Amino acid sequence: MLIEYMIVSALLFAIGATGAMIRRNFIVILMSLELMLNGAGMLLITMSYYLGNVSGQIMFIFVAAVAASETAIGLAIVVMMYKRKGSIDINDFSMLKK
């Protein structure tokens, strides 16, 4: 049972990493980062259950908090950029460098 959960979490992470590297839409990149964090969190919870301690579950609470804050900040940036440029293409984000 442990191997199946590890495979699913690795697949979630791999799909998220692939989506973050390939796609050019900022919202899709944010969703891919969420998939990566969920894959890592699933592995933390799985290993915590397997080892019989709660440290992985407590760590997942912090991972979930980081994921929520990353989404909120990312969506705020998307709204700001859409107001300025009218697009959410990642290539239009070069103006943030200034």
PDB file of N, CA and C in Angstrom:
ATOM      1  N   MET A   1       0.824  -1.192   0.000  1.00  0.00           N
ATOM      2  CA  MET A   1       0.000   0.000   0.000  1.00  0.00           C
ATOM      3  C   MET A   1       0.874   1.264   0.000  1.00  0.00           C
ATOM      4  N   LEU A   2       2.014   1.183   0.640  1.00  0.00           N
ATOM      5  CA  LEU A   2       2.913   2.329   0.706  1.00  0.00           C
ATOM      6  C   LEU A   2       3.442   2.700  -0.676  1.00  0.00           C
ATOM      7  N   ILE A   3       3.782   1.697  -1.467  1.00  0.00           N
ATOM      8  CA  ILE A   3       4.350   1.941  -2.792  1.00  0.00           C
ATOM      9  C   ILE A   3       3.352   2.663  -3.684  1.00  0.00           C
ATOM     10  N   GLU A   4       2.075   2.296  -3.597  1.00  0.00           N
ATOM     11  CA  GLU A   4       1.068   2.938  -4.445  1.00  0.00           C
ATOM     12  C   GLU A   4       0.964   4.428  -4.135  1.00  0.00           C
ATOM     13  N   TYR A   5       0.967   4.778  -2.862  1.00  0.00           N
ATOM     14  CA  TYR A   5       0.895   6.189  -2.484  1.00  0.00           C
ATOM     15  C   TYR A   5       2.145   6.948  -2.914  1.00  0.00           C
ATOM     16  N   MET A   6       3.294   6.294  -2.823  1.00  0.00           N
ATOM     17  CA  MET A   6       4.527   6.939  -3.253  1.00  0.00           C
ATOM     18  C   MET A   6       4.531   7.165  -4.766  1.00  0.00           C
ATOM     19  N   ILE A   7       4.005   6.205  -5.515  1.00  0.00           N
ATOM     20  CA  ILE A   7       3.934   6.349  -6.968  1.00  0.00           C
ATOM     21  C   ILE A   7       2.985   7.479  -7.347  1.00  0.00           C
ATOM     22  N   VAL A   8       1.826   7.540  -6.685  1.00  0.00           N
ATOM     23  CA  VAL A   8       0.858   8.605  -6.988  1.00  0.00           C
ATOM     24  C   VAL A   8       1.439   9.973  -6.641  1.00  0.00           C
ATOM     25  N   SER A   9       2.115  10.074  -5.509  1.00  0.00           N
ATOM     26  CA  SER A   9       2.702  11.371  -5.147  1.00  0.00           C
ATOM     27  C   SER A   9       3.829  11.762  -6.110  1.00  0.00           C
ATOM     28  N   ALA A  10       4.617  10.796  -6.559  1.00  0.00           N
ATOM     29  CA  ALA A  10       5.665  11.086  -7.539  1.00  0.00           C
ATOM     30  C   ALA A  10       5.063  11.498  -8.878  1.00  0.00           C
ATOM     31  N   LEU A  11       3.965  10.860  -9.278  1.00  0.00           N
ATOM     32  CA  LEU A  11       3.287  11.247 -10.512  1.00  0.00           C
ATOM     33  C   LEU A  11       2.715  12.657 -10.415  1.00  0.00           C
ATOM     34  N   LEU A  12       2.114  12.986  -9.289  1.00  0.00           N
ATOM     35  CA  LEU A  12       1.602  14.347  -9.095  1.00  0.00           C
ATOM     36  C   LEU A  12       2.719  15.366  -9.200  1.00  0.00           C
ATOM     37  N   PHE A  13       3.829  15.085  -8.557  1.00  0.00           N
ATOM     38  CA  PHE A  13       4.961  15.999  -8.602  1.00  0.00           C
ATOM     39  C   PHE A  13       5.507  16.111 -10.025  1.00  0.00           C
ATOM     40  N   ALA A  14       5.626  14.989 -10.728  1.00  0.00           N
ATOM     41  CA  ALA A  14       6.177  15.010 -12.083  1.00  0.00           C
ATOM     42  C   ALA A  14       5.250  15.751 -13.051  1.00  0.00           C
ATOM     43  N   ILE A  15       3.944  15.541 -12.935  1.00  0.00           N
ATOM     44  CA  ILE A  15       2.995  16.251 -13.788  1.00  0.00           C
ATOM     45  C   ILE A  15       3.064  17.744 -13.516  1.00  0.00           C
ATOM     46  N   GLY A  16       3.158  18.114 -12.246  1.00  0.00           N
ATOM     47  CA  GLY A  16       3.272  19.527 -11.892  1.00  0.00           C
ATOM     48  C   GLY A  16       4.557  20.147 -12.405  1.00  0.00           C
ATOM     49  N   ALA A  17       5.659  19.429 -12.287  1.00  0.00           N
ATOM     50  CA  ALA A  17       6.939  19.961 -12.762  1.00  0.00           C
ATOM     51  C   ALA A  17       6.934  20.116 -14.282  1.00  0.00           C
ATOM     52  N   THR A  18       6.348  19.155 -14.970  1.00  0.00           N
ATOM     53  CA  THR A  18       6.254  19.242 -16.422  1.00  0.00           C
ATOM     54  C   THR A  18       5.391  20.428 -16.838  1.00  0.00           C
ATOM     55  N   GLY A  19       4.267  20.601 -16.181  1.00  0.00           N
ATOM     56  CA  GLY A  19       3.389  21.722 -16.499  1.00  0.00           C
ATOM     57  C   GLY A  19       4.026  23.063 -16.205  1.00  0.00           C
ATOM     58  N   ALA A  20       4.791  23.149 -15.133  1.00  0.00           N
ATOM     59  CA  ALA A  20       5.445  24.412 -14.786  1.00  0.00           C
ATOM     60  C   ALA A  20       6.546  24.764 -15.773  1.00  0.00           C
ATOM     61  N   MET A  21       7.210  23.759 -16.343  1.00  0.00           N
ATOM     62  CA  MET A  21       8.287  24.038 -17.278  1.00  0.00           C
ATOM     63  C   MET A  21       7.806  24.282 -18.701  1.00  0.00           C
ATOM     64  N   ILE A  22       6.735  23.640 -19.097  1.00  0.00           N
ATOM     65  CA  ILE A  22       6.305  23.696 -20.494  1.00  0.00           C
ATOM     66  C   ILE A  22       5.332  24.838 -20.767  1.00  0.00           C
ATOM     67  N   ARG A  23       4.393  25.071 -19.888  1.00  0.00           N
ATOM     68  CA  ARG A  23       3.313  26.013 -20.181  1.00  0.00           C
ATOM     69  C   ARG A  23       3.773  27.455 -20.069  1.00  0.00           C
ATOM     70  N   ARG A  24       3.065  28.345 -20.770  1.00  0.00           N
ATOM     71  CA  ARG A  24       3.373  29.769 -20.770  1.00  0.00           C
ATOM     72  C   ARG A  24       2.276  30.592 -20.106  1.00  0.00           C
ATOM     73  N   ASN A  25       1.170  29.973 -19.735  1.00  0.00           N
ATOM     74  CA  ASN A  25       0.077  30.676 -19.080  1.00  0.00           C
ATOM     75  C   ASN A  25       0.341  30.690 -17.579  1.00  0.00           C
ATOM     76  N   PHE A  26       0.262  31.882 -16.974  1.00  0.00           N
ATOM     77  CA  PHE A  26       0.639  32.017 -15.572  1.00  0.00           C
ATOM     78  C   PHE A  26      -0.311  31.243 -14.648  1.00  0.00           C
ATOM     79  N   ILE A  27      -1.587  31.200 -14.981  1.00  0.00           N
ATOM     80  CA  ILE A  27      -2.538  30.467 -14.134  1.00  0.00           C
ATOM     81  C   ILE A  27      -2.256  28.970 -14.187  1.00  0.00           C
ATOM     82  N   VAL A  28      -1.906  28.459 -15.361  1.00  0.00           N
ATOM     83  CA  VAL A  28      -1.563  27.039 -15.474  1.00  0.00           C
ATOM     84  C   VAL A  28      -0.285  26.743 -14.704  1.00  0.00           C
ATOM     85  N   ILE A  29       0.658  27.666 -14.724  1.00  0.00           N
ATOM     86  CA  ILE A  29       1.889  27.474 -13.951  1.00  0.00           C
ATOM     87  C   ILE A  29       1.577  27.439 -12.456  1.00  0.00           C
ATOM     88  N   LEU A  30       0.670  28.309 -11.996  1.00  0.00           N
ATOM     89  CA  LEU A  30       0.277  28.273 -10.587  1.00  0.00           C
ATOM     90  C   LEU A  30      -0.384  26.947 -10.226  1.00  0.00           C
ATOM     91  N   MET A  31      -1.239  26.440 -11.117  1.00  0.00           N
ATOM     92  CA  MET A  31      -1.875  25.141 -10.853  1.00  0.00           C
ATOM     93  C   MET A  31      -0.843  24.020 -10.835  1.00  0.00           C
ATOM     94  N   SER A  32       0.165  24.127 -11.696  1.00  0.00           N
ATOM     95  CA  SER A  32       1.214  23.111 -11.706  1.00  0.00           C
ATOM     96  C   SER A  32       2.032  23.143 -10.416  1.00  0.00           C
ATOM     97  N   LEU A  33       2.302  24.349  -9.912  1.00  0.00           N
ATOM     98  CA  LEU A  33       2.997  24.445  -8.623  1.00  0.00           C
ATOM     99  C   LEU A  33       2.158  23.854  -7.502  1.00  0.00           C
ATOM    100  N   GLU A  34       0.844  24.038  -7.570  1.00  0.00           N
ATOM    101  CA  GLU A  34      -0.034  23.425  -6.570  1.00  0.00           C
ATOM    102  C   GLU A  34       0.037  21.904  -6.644  1.00  0.00           C
ATOM    103  N   LEU A  35       0.075  21.361  -7.860  1.00  0.00           N
ATOM    104  CA  LEU A  35       0.217  19.911  -8.002  1.00  0.00           C
ATOM    105  C   LEU A  35       1.528  19.418  -7.392  1.00  0.00           C
ATOM    106  N   MET A  36       2.597  20.161  -7.612  1.00  0.00           N
ATOM    107  CA  MET A  36       3.883  19.768  -7.033  1.00  0.00           C
ATOM    108  C   MET A  36       3.831  19.780  -5.511  1.00  0.00           C
ATOM    109  N   LEU A  37       3.228  20.825  -4.941  1.00  0.00           N
ATOM    110  CA  LEU A  37       3.137  20.901  -3.479  1.00  0.00           C
ATOM    111  C   LEU A  37       2.219  19.814  -2.923  1.00  0.00           C
ATOM    112  N   ASN A  38       1.145  19.491  -3.641  1.00  0.00           N
ATOM    113  CA  ASN A  38       0.257  18.422  -3.187  1.00  0.00           C
ATOM    114  C   ASN A  38       0.935  17.063  -3.258  1.00  0.00           C
ATOM    115  N   GLY A  39       1.760  16.846  -4.291  1.00  0.00           N
ATOM    116  CA  GLY A  39       2.513  15.598  -4.375  1.00  0.00           C
ATOM    117  C   GLY A  39       3.499  15.453  -3.223  1.00  0.00           C
ATOM    118  N   ALA A  40       4.190  16.552  -2.908  1.00  0.00           N
ATOM    119  CA  ALA A  40       5.125  16.514  -1.776  1.00  0.00           C
ATOM    120  C   ALA A  40       4.384  16.322  -0.464  1.00  0.00           C
ATOM    121  N   GLY A  41       3.248  16.978  -0.323  1.00  0.00           N
ATOM    122  CA  GLY A  41       2.457  16.829   0.898  1.00  0.00           C
ATOM    123  C   GLY A  41       1.907  15.420   1.070  1.00  0.00           C
ATOM    124  N   MET A  42       1.486  14.824  -0.042  1.00  0.00           N
ATOM    125  CA  MET A  42       0.987  13.448   0.034  1.00  0.00           C
ATOM    126  C   MET A  42       2.089  12.491   0.468  1.00  0.00           C
ATOM    127  N   LEU A  43       3.297  12.721  -0.012  1.00  0.00           N
ATOM    128  CA  LEU A  43       4.417  11.879   0.406  1.00  0.00           C
ATOM    129  C   LEU A  43       4.740  12.094   1.884  1.00  0.00           C
ATOM    130  N   LEU A  44       4.667  13.331   2.356  1.00  0.00           N
ATOM    131  CA  LEU A  44       4.896  13.602   3.780  1.00  0.00           C
ATOM    132  C   LEU A  44       3.890  12.861   4.655  1.00  0.00           C
ATOM    133  N   ILE A  45       2.624  12.923   4.280  1.00  0.00           N
ATOM    134  CA  ILE A  45       1.587  12.257   5.070  1.00  0.00           C
ATOM    135  C   ILE A  45       1.736  10.738   4.999  1.00  0.00           C
ATOM    136  N   THR A  46       2.057  10.219   3.818  1.00  0.00           N
ATOM    137  CA  THR A  46       2.230   8.772   3.664  1.00  0.00           C
ATOM    138  C   THR A  46       3.373   8.250   4.522  1.00  0.00           C
ATOM    139  N   MET A  47       4.514   8.936   4.452  1.00  0.00           N
ATOM    140  CA  MET A  47       5.652   8.469   5.249  1.00  0.00           C
ATOM    141  C   MET A  47       5.410   8.659   6.739  1.00  0.00           C
ATOM    142  N   SER A  48       4.692   9.698   7.104  1.00  0.00           N
ATOM    143  CA  SER A  48       4.360   9.909   8.508  1.00  0.00           C
ATOM    144  C   SER A  48       3.500   8.765   9.038  1.00  0.00           C
ATOM    145  N   TYR A  49       2.524   8.358   8.236  1.00  0.00           N
ATOM    146  CA  TYR A  49       1.660   7.244   8.651  1.00  0.00           C
ATOM    147  C   TYR A  49       2.456   5.942   8.710  1.00  0.00           C
ATOM    148  N   TYR A  50       3.327   5.738   7.732  1.00  0.00           N
ATOM    149  CA  TYR A  50       4.111   4.507   7.676  1.00  0.00           C
ATOM    150  C   TYR A  50       5.090   4.407   8.837  1.00  0.00           C
ATOM    151  N   LEU A  51       5.715   5.525   9.200  1.00  0.00           N
ATOM    152  CA  LEU A  51       6.698   5.515  10.283  1.00  0.00           C
ATOM    153  C   LEU A  51       6.066   5.616  11.664  1.00  0.00           C
ATOM    154  N   GLY A  52       4.795   5.991  11.726  1.00  0.00           N
ATOM    155  CA  GLY A  52       4.091   6.018  13.004  1.00  0.00           C
ATOM    156  C   GLY A  52       4.305   7.272  13.830  1.00  0.00           C
ATOM    157  N   ASN A  53       4.715   8.371  13.201  1.00  0.00           N
ATOM    158  CA  ASN A  53       4.837   9.622  13.940  1.00  0.00           C
ATOM    159  C   ASN A  53       4.040  10.701  13.219  1.00  0.00           C
ATOM    160  N   VAL A  54       3.840  11.814  13.876  1.00  0.00           N
ATOM    161  CA  VAL A  54       2.999  12.862  13.311  1.00  0.00           C
ATOM    162  C   VAL A  54       3.806  14.028  12.734  1.00  0.00           C
ATOM    163  N   SER A  55       5.102  13.905  12.684  1.00  0.00           N
ATOM    164  CA  SER A  55       5.912  15.029  12.220  1.00  0.00           C
ATOM    165  C   SER A  55       5.653  15.356  10.748  1.00  0.00           C
ATOM    166  N   GLY A  56       5.427  14.356   9.917  1.00  0.00           N
ATOM    167  CA  GLY A  56       5.118  14.603   8.516  1.00  0.00           C
ATOM    168  C   GLY A  56       3.779  15.281   8.332  1.00  0.00           C
ATOM    169  N   GLN A  57       2.813  14.929   9.176  1.00  0.00           N
ATOM    170  CA  GLN A  57       1.497  15.560   9.085  1.00  0.00           C
ATOM    171  C   GLN A  57       1.550  17.014   9.530  1.00  0.00           C
ATOM    172  N   ILE A  58       2.360  17.282  10.539  1.00  0.00           N
ATOM    173  CA  ILE A  58       2.532  18.666  10.983  1.00  0.00           C
ATOM    174  C   ILE A  58       3.258  19.470   9.903  1.00  0.00           C
ATOM    175  N   MET A  59       4.239  18.857   9.268  1.00  0.00           N
ATOM    176  CA  MET A  59       4.950  19.538   8.183  1.00  0.00           C
ATOM    177  C   MET A  59       4.006  19.827   7.024  1.00  0.00           C
ATOM    178  N   PHE A  60       3.056  18.926   6.768  1.00  0.00           N
ATOM    179  CA  PHE A  60       2.105  19.158   5.677  1.00  0.00           C
ATOM    180  C   PHE A  60       1.228  20.379   5.949  1.00  0.00           C
ATOM    181  N   ILE A  61       0.945  20.658   7.199  1.00  0.00           N
ATOM    182  CA  ILE A  61       0.173  21.864   7.533  1.00  0.00           C
ATOM    183  C   ILE A  61       0.932  23.104   7.069  1.00  0.00           C
ATOM    184  N   PHE A  62       2.243  23.119   7.267  1.00  0.00           N
ATOM    185  CA  PHE A  62       3.054  24.240   6.801  1.00  0.00           C
ATOM    186  C   PHE A  62       3.120  24.282   5.273  1.00  0.00           C
ATOM    187  N   VAL A  63       3.202  23.121   4.634  1.00  0.00           N
ATOM    188  CA  VAL A  63       3.211  23.069   3.173  1.00  0.00           C
ATOM    189  C   VAL A  63       1.892  23.609   2.624  1.00  0.00           C
ATOM    190  N   ALA A  64       0.778  23.244   3.243  1.00  0.00           N
ATOM    191  CA  ALA A  64      -0.529  23.734   2.802  1.00  0.00           C
ATOM    192  C   ALA A  64      -0.644  25.242   3.005  1.00  0.00           C
ATOM    193  N   ALA A  65      -0.089  25.754   4.088  1.00  0.00           N
ATOM    194  CA  ALA A  65      -0.120  27.202   4.321  1.00  0.00           C
ATOM    195  C   ALA A  65       0.711  27.944   3.281  1.00  0.00           C
ATOM    196  N   VAL A  66       1.864  27.399   2.934  1.00  0.00           N
ATOM    197  CA  VAL A  66       2.697  28.015   1.904  1.00  0.00           C
ATOM    198  C   VAL A  66       1.985  27.967   0.551  1.00  0.00           C
ATOM    199  N   ALA A  67       1.321  26.849   0.254  1.00  0.00           N
ATOM    200  CA  ALA A  67       0.593  26.730  -1.011  1.00  0.00           C
ATOM    201  C   ALA A  67      -0.544  27.746  -1.085  1.00  0.00           C
ATOM    202  N   ALA A  68      -1.253  27.939   0.004  1.00  0.00           N
ATOM    203  CA  ALA A  68      -2.351  28.902   0.008  1.00  0.00           C
ATOM    204  C   ALA A  68      -1.842  30.327  -0.163  1.00  0.00           C
ATOM    205  N   SER A  69      -0.762  30.662   0.512  1.00  0.00           N
ATOM    206  CA  SER A  69      -0.233  32.022   0.379  1.00  0.00           C
ATOM    207  C   SER A  69       0.370  32.238  -1.006  1.00  0.00           C
ATOM    208  N   GLU A  70       1.000  31.229  -1.565  1.00  0.00           N
ATOM    209  CA  GLU A  70       1.551  31.332  -2.913  1.00  0.00           C
ATOM    210  C   GLU A  70       0.447  31.558  -3.933  1.00  0.00           C
ATOM    211  N   THR A  71      -0.664  30.894  -3.762  1.00  0.00           N
ATOM    212  CA  THR A  71      -1.792  31.073  -4.672  1.00  0.00           C
ATOM    213  C   THR A  71      -2.382  32.465  -4.549  1.00  0.00           C
ATOM    214  N   ALA A  72      -2.548  32.944  -3.342  1.00  0.00           N
ATOM    215  CA  ALA A  72      -3.128  34.274  -3.143  1.00  0.00           C
ATOM    216  C   ALA A  72      -2.230  35.359  -3.744  1.00  0.00           C
ATOM    217  N   ILE A  73      -0.938  35.275  -3.506  1.00  0.00           N
ATOM    218  CA  ILE A  73      -0.012  36.273  -4.053  1.00  0.00           C
ATOM    219  C   ILE A  73       0.079  36.150  -5.569  1.00  0.00           C
ATOM    220  N   GLY A  74       0.115  34.932  -6.070  1.00  0.00           N
ATOM    221  CA  GLY A  74       0.177  34.719  -7.511  1.00  0.00           C
ATOM    222  C   GLY A  74      -1.050  35.255  -8.226  1.00  0.00           C
ATOM    223  N   LEU A  75      -2.228  35.017  -7.655  1.00  0.00           N
ATOM    224  CA  LEU A  75      -3.444  35.532  -8.287  1.00  0.00           C
ATOM    225  C   LEU A  75      -3.516  37.050  -8.209  1.00  0.00           C
ATOM    226  N   ALA A  76      -2.989  37.640  -7.153  1.00  0.00           N
ATOM    227  CA  ALA A  76      -2.941  39.100  -7.076  1.00  0.00           C
ATOM    228  C   ALA A  76      -2.024  39.662  -8.166  1.00  0.00           C
ATOM    229  N   ILE A  77      -0.907  39.002  -8.413  1.00  0.00           N
ATOM    230  CA  ILE A  77      -0.007  39.431  -9.486  1.00  0.00           C
ATOM    231  C   ILE A  77      -0.682  39.277 -10.839  1.00  0.00           C
ATOM    232  N   VAL A  78      -1.423  38.185 -11.030  1.00  0.00           N
ATOM    233  CA  VAL A  78      -2.135  37.973 -12.292  1.00  0.00           C
ATOM    234  C   VAL A  78      -3.154  39.073 -12.531  1.00  0.00           C
ATOM    235  N   VAL A  79      -3.911  39.432 -11.510  1.00  0.00           N
ATOM    236  CA  VAL A  79      -4.918  40.485 -11.657  1.00  0.00           C
ATOM    237  C   VAL A  79      -4.248  41.814 -11.992  1.00  0.00           C
ATOM    238  N   MET A  80      -3.146  42.117 -11.318  1.00  0.00           N
ATOM    239  CA  MET A  80      -2.434  43.368 -11.594  1.00  0.00           C
ATOM    240  C   MET A  80      -1.896  43.396 -13.021  1.00  0.00           C
ATOM    241  N   MET A  81      -1.305  42.300 -13.458  1.00  0.00           N
ATOM    242  CA  MET A  81      -0.752  42.257 -14.805  1.00  0.00           C
ATOM    243  C   MET A  81      -1.846  42.278 -15.862  1.00  0.00           C
ATOM    244  N   TYR A  82      -2.984  41.653 -15.590  1.00  0.00           N
ATOM    245  CA  TYR A  82      -4.077  41.674 -16.564  1.00  0.00           C
ATOM    246  C   TYR A  82      -4.654  43.082 -16.704  1.00  0.00           C
ATOM    247  N   LYS A  83      -4.699  43.807 -15.596  1.00  0.00           N
ATOM    248  CA  LYS A  83      -5.172  45.193 -15.667  1.00  0.00           C
ATOM    249  C   LYS A  83      -4.227  46.050 -16.498  1.00  0.00           C
ATOM    250  N   ARG A  84      -2.932  45.828 -16.381  1.00  0.00           N
ATOM    251  CA  ARG A  84      -1.946  46.649 -17.097  1.00  0.00           C
ATOM    252  C   ARG A  84      -1.776  46.234 -18.553  1.00  0.00           C
ATOM    253  N   LYS A  85      -1.658  44.925 -18.793  1.00  0.00           N
ATOM    254  CA  LYS A  85      -1.324  44.446 -20.133  1.00  0.00           C
ATOM    255  C   LYS A  85      -2.519  43.893 -20.903  1.00  0.00           C
ATOM    256  N   GLY A  86      -3.527  43.386 -20.209  1.00  0.00           N
ATOM    257  CA  GLY A  86      -4.644  42.731 -20.886  1.00  0.00           C
ATOM    258  C   GLY A  86      -4.339  41.303 -21.276  1.00  0.00           C
ATOM    259  N   SER A  87      -3.287  40.727 -20.710  1.00  0.00           N
ATOM    260  CA  SER A  87      -2.877  39.367 -21.025  1.00  0.00           C
ATOM    261  C   SER A  87      -2.236  38.747 -19.787  1.00  0.00           C
ATOM    262  N   ILE A  88      -2.297  37.415 -19.728  1.00  0.00           N
ATOM    263  CA  ILE A  88      -1.621  36.725 -18.625  1.00  0.00           C
ATOM    264  C   ILE A  88      -0.537  35.802 -19.156  1.00  0.00           C
ATOM    265  N   ASP A  89      -0.047  36.105 -20.364  1.00  0.00           N
ATOM    266  CA  ASP A  89       1.056  35.347 -20.941  1.00  0.00           C
ATOM    267  C   ASP A  89       2.326  35.625 -20.136  1.00  0.00           C
ATOM    268  N   ILE A  90       3.077  34.592 -19.848  1.00  0.00           N
ATOM    269  CA  ILE A  90       4.248  34.708 -18.981  1.00  0.00           C
ATOM    270  C   ILE A  90       5.334  35.582 -19.623  1.00  0.00           C
ATOM    271  N   ASN A  91       5.360  35.689 -20.934  1.00  0.00           N
ATOM    272  CA  ASN A  91       6.360  36.516 -21.607  1.00  0.00           C
ATOM    273  C   ASN A  91       6.095  38.008 -21.382  1.00  0.00           C
ATOM    274  N   ASP A  92       4.876  38.378 -21.040  1.00  0.00           N
ATOM    275  CA  ASP A  92       4.548  39.770 -20.771  1.00  0.00           C
ATOM    276  C   ASP A  92       4.964  40.212 -19.366  1.00  0.00           C
ATOM    277  N   PHE A  93       5.506  39.322 -18.581  1.00  0.00           N
ATOM    278  CA  PHE A  93       5.863  39.647 -17.205  1.00  0.00           C
ATOM    279  C   PHE A  93       7.255  40.247 -17.083  1.00  0.00           C
ATOM    280  N   SER A  94       7.881  40.565 -18.185  1.00  0.00           N
ATOM    281  CA  SER A  94       9.219  41.135 -18.119  1.00  0.00           C
ATOM    282  C   SER A  94       9.213  42.532 -17.506  1.00  0.00           C
ATOM    283  N   MET A  95       8.047  43.183 -17.476  1.00  0.00           N
ATOM    284  CA  MET A  95       7.989  44.531 -16.896  1.00  0.00           C
ATOM    285  C   MET A  95       8.145  44.495 -15.368  1.00  0.00           C
ATOM    286  N   LEU A  96       8.023  43.310 -14.759  1.00  0.00           N
ATOM    287  CA  LEU A  96       8.212  43.216 -13.309  1.00  0.00           C
ATOM    288  C   LEU A  96       9.681  43.358 -12.920  1.00  0.00           C
ATOM    289  N   LYS A  97      10.587  43.233 -13.862  1.00  0.00           N
ATOM    290  CA  LYS A  97      12.011  43.356 -13.571  1.00  0.00           C
ATOM    291  C   LYS A  97      12.413  44.783 -13.240  1.00  0.00           C
ATOM    292  N   LYS A  98      11.658  45.752 -13.715  1.00  0.00           N
ATOM    293  CA  LYS A  98      12.014  47.157 -13.523  1.00  0.00           C
ATOM    294  C   LYS A  98      11.677  47.648 -12.149  1.00  0.00           C
TER     295      LYS A  98
END
